[in-house]
């Protein structure tokens, strides 16, 4: 009488192939989900940067008769109002490989001229990066302080020229 107790059952090649396909599919889904989450985290961090830059613009405006910077040289004051210059760089933008000690330029573009108006929905600052955030969107801060993520079609400002500039940042502390 034979007993099946001592026999070992091996997996067939079809079963092993099926398990490999399921694992590969699961890893693909996880990798795509991770990429989306990373992109969304960068977009949220960018929006937070724009909120902080709006606060710096409010401080500037209070010091200069409720006016926004009128020239790029006036924009260069902003990094002195914020200790952490990382807020001037969009996390979705590629990192710069500039020379040490050379002034860097912000990844955000700022409107020049005018004043802060608590009711206006005109653009104040936006991320000016070649790499967009998830779902092909840009973050934008408006004159009333709101920060929104906009589709490319929503950027009507491209049709009408706005004076804009980017502040230069000091990478080395002043003596």
Protein backbone atom coordinates (compact mmCIF):
# COMPACT_ATOMS: atom_id res chain seq x y z
CA UNK A 1 0.00 0.00 0.00
CA UNK A 2 1.47 3.29 -0.99
CA UNK A 3 1.16 6.33 1.17
CA UNK A 4 0.95 9.89 -0.11
CA UNK A 5 2.30 11.10 3.17
CA UNK A 6 5.95 10.98 2.19
CA UNK A 7 5.43 12.42 -1.33
CA UNK A 8 6.24 16.03 -2.01
CA UNK A 9 4.18 18.03 -4.45
CA UNK A 10 6.16 20.40 -6.68
CA UNK A 11 4.70 23.48 -8.40
CA UNK A 12 4.14 23.13 -12.10
CA UNK A 13 5.82 25.55 -14.49
CA UNK A 14 2.40 27.00 -15.34
CA UNK A 15 1.74 27.83 -11.67
CA UNK A 16 5.18 29.43 -11.29
CA UNK A 17 4.64 31.48 -14.46
CA UNK A 18 1.27 32.69 -13.17
CA UNK A 19 2.79 33.76 -9.82
CA UNK A 20 5.58 35.63 -11.64
CA UNK A 21 3.04 37.48 -13.81
CA UNK A 22 0.95 38.48 -10.78
CA UNK A 23 4.06 39.74 -8.93
CA UNK A 24 5.23 41.75 -11.95
CA UNK A 25 1.79 43.35 -12.30
CA UNK A 26 1.68 44.21 -8.60
CA UNK A 27 5.13 45.81 -8.73
CA UNK A 28 4.13 47.88 -11.76
CA UNK A 29 1.03 49.19 -10.00
CA UNK A 30 3.04 50.01 -6.86
CA UNK A 31 5.75 51.82 -8.84
CA UNK A 32 3.19 53.96 -10.70
CA UNK A 33 1.40 54.77 -7.45
CA UNK A 34 4.68 55.79 -5.82
CA UNK A 35 5.54 58.07 -8.76
CA UNK A 36 2.13 59.73 -8.56
CA UNK A 37 2.46 60.22 -4.78
CA UNK A 38 5.93 61.71 -5.18
CA UNK A 39 4.66 64.12 -7.85
CA UNK A 40 1.70 65.12 -5.70
CA UNK A 41 4.00 65.72 -2.70
CA UNK A 42 6.17 68.01 -4.82
CA UNK A 43 3.08 69.90 -5.97
CA UNK A 44 1.93 70.41 -2.36
CA UNK A 45 5.43 71.54 -1.33
CA UNK A 46 5.44 74.01 -4.24
CA UNK A 47 2.08 75.42 -3.10
CA UNK A 48 3.50 75.83 0.40
CA UNK A 49 6.50 77.71 -1.05
CA UNK A 50 4.16 80.06 -2.91
CA UNK A 51 2.24 80.74 0.34
CA UNK A 52 5.50 81.70 2.04
CA UNK A 53 6.52 83.89 -0.90
CA UNK A 54 3.15 85.64 -0.71
CA UNK A 55 3.90 86.44 2.93
CA UNK A 56 7.26 87.90 1.87
CA UNK A 57 5.46 90.01 -0.75
CA UNK A 58 3.07 91.27 1.95
CA UNK A 59 6.05 92.31 4.10
CA UNK A 60 7.67 94.02 1.10
CA UNK A 61 4.40 95.74 0.24
CA UNK A 62 3.97 97.02 3.80
CA UNK A 63 7.50 98.45 3.76
CA UNK A 64 7.11 100.10 0.34
CA UNK A 65 3.78 101.98 0.45
CA UNK A 66 1.57 99.00 -0.43
CA UNK A 67 3.32 98.51 -3.79
CA UNK A 68 4.79 95.39 -5.36
CA UNK A 69 8.38 95.32 -6.60
CA UNK A 70 8.56 97.33 -9.82
CA UNK A 71 11.84 95.98 -11.21
CA UNK A 72 13.94 92.84 -10.98
CA UNK A 73 16.37 94.69 -8.71
CA UNK A 74 13.49 95.29 -6.28
CA UNK A 75 12.72 91.56 -6.37
CA UNK A 76 16.24 90.88 -5.11
CA UNK A 77 15.09 92.16 -1.69
CA UNK A 78 12.80 89.14 -1.20
CA UNK A 79 15.53 86.62 -0.26
CA UNK A 80 16.54 88.94 2.59
CA UNK A 81 13.00 88.71 4.00
CA UNK A 82 13.02 84.91 4.11
CA UNK A 83 15.79 83.01 5.89
CA UNK A 84 15.26 79.73 4.03
CA UNK A 85 16.06 80.33 0.36
CA UNK A 86 14.81 76.81 -0.50
CA UNK A 87 11.31 78.30 -0.79
CA UNK A 88 12.49 80.06 -3.96
CA UNK A 89 12.99 76.71 -5.69
CA UNK A 90 10.10 74.59 -6.95
CA UNK A 91 10.61 70.95 -5.89
CA UNK A 92 9.51 69.79 -9.38
CA UNK A 93 12.27 71.80 -11.07
CA UNK A 94 15.54 70.12 -11.95
CA UNK A 95 18.35 71.05 -9.57
CA UNK A 96 20.86 73.61 -10.75
CA UNK A 97 24.53 72.79 -11.04
CA UNK A 98 25.86 76.33 -10.75
CA UNK A 99 29.26 77.31 -9.50
CA UNK A 100 29.63 77.72 -5.72
CA UNK A 101 29.20 81.32 -4.66
CA UNK A 102 27.42 82.34 -7.86
CA UNK A 103 24.00 83.95 -7.46
CA UNK A 104 21.17 81.63 -8.37
CA UNK A 105 17.79 82.60 -9.79
CA UNK A 106 14.44 81.57 -8.39
CA UNK A 107 12.26 78.98 -10.15
CA UNK A 108 9.26 81.20 -9.46
CA UNK A 109 8.27 84.14 -11.62
CA UNK A 110 6.78 87.23 -9.97
CA UNK A 111 4.53 89.95 -11.31
CA UNK A 112 6.18 93.37 -11.30
CA UNK A 113 4.37 96.59 -10.44
CA UNK A 114 0.95 97.29 -8.99
CA UNK A 115 -0.16 96.59 -5.44
CA UNK A 116 -1.53 93.78 -3.33
CA UNK A 117 -5.28 93.71 -3.69
CA UNK A 118 -7.16 91.38 -1.36
CA UNK A 119 -9.97 90.89 -3.88
CA UNK A 120 -8.08 90.38 -7.10
CA UNK A 121 -7.69 87.09 -8.95
CA UNK A 122 -4.72 88.28 -11.00
CA UNK A 123 -1.48 86.35 -10.86
CA UNK A 124 1.22 87.38 -8.41
CA UNK A 125 3.66 84.47 -8.70
CA UNK A 126 3.81 81.10 -10.42
CA UNK A 127 6.20 78.20 -10.80
CA UNK A 128 8.17 78.82 -13.96
CA UNK A 129 9.60 75.36 -14.47
CA UNK A 130 9.89 73.29 -17.59
CA UNK A 131 8.77 70.23 -15.61
CA UNK A 132 5.15 70.47 -14.64
CA UNK A 133 3.48 68.86 -11.69
CA UNK A 134 1.20 65.84 -11.85
CA UNK A 135 -1.61 66.04 -14.40
CA UNK A 136 0.20 68.77 -16.39
CA UNK A 137 -0.54 71.57 -13.94
CA UNK A 138 1.21 74.69 -12.67
CA UNK A 139 0.86 76.20 -9.21
CA UNK A 140 -0.01 79.89 -9.09
CA UNK A 141 -0.40 82.46 -6.30
CA UNK A 142 -2.88 85.27 -6.83
CA UNK A 143 -2.91 88.84 -5.52
CA UNK A 144 -5.51 87.89 -2.91
CA UNK A 145 -3.16 85.24 -1.45
CA UNK A 146 -4.85 82.10 -2.74
CA UNK A 147 -2.69 79.38 -4.26
CA UNK A 148 -4.24 77.11 -6.87
CA UNK A 149 -3.11 74.41 -9.23
CA UNK A 150 -4.07 75.41 -12.79
CA UNK A 151 -4.23 73.58 -16.11
CA UNK A 152 -2.33 75.06 -19.04
CA UNK A 153 -5.57 76.34 -20.59
CA UNK A 154 -6.26 78.38 -17.46
CA UNK A 155 -3.13 80.48 -17.90
CA UNK A 156 -4.70 83.34 -19.81
CA UNK A 157 -1.82 85.58 -18.73
CA UNK A 158 0.24 84.08 -21.55
CA UNK A 159 -2.03 85.83 -24.03
CA UNK A 160 -1.53 89.26 -22.48
CA UNK A 161 1.97 90.33 -21.50
CA UNK A 162 2.56 90.84 -17.80
CA UNK A 163 5.76 92.44 -16.60
CA UNK A 164 7.49 89.73 -14.57
CA UNK A 165 10.88 88.81 -13.18
CA UNK A 166 12.78 86.36 -11.01
CA UNK A 167 14.78 87.35 -7.92
CA UNK A 168 18.49 86.51 -7.79
CA UNK A 169 19.50 84.60 -4.68
CA UNK A 170 22.75 84.82 -2.76
CA UNK A 171 24.21 81.33 -2.24
CA UNK A 172 26.88 82.56 0.16
CA UNK A 173 26.14 84.49 3.36
CA UNK A 174 26.98 88.16 3.40
CA UNK A 175 29.94 89.14 5.67
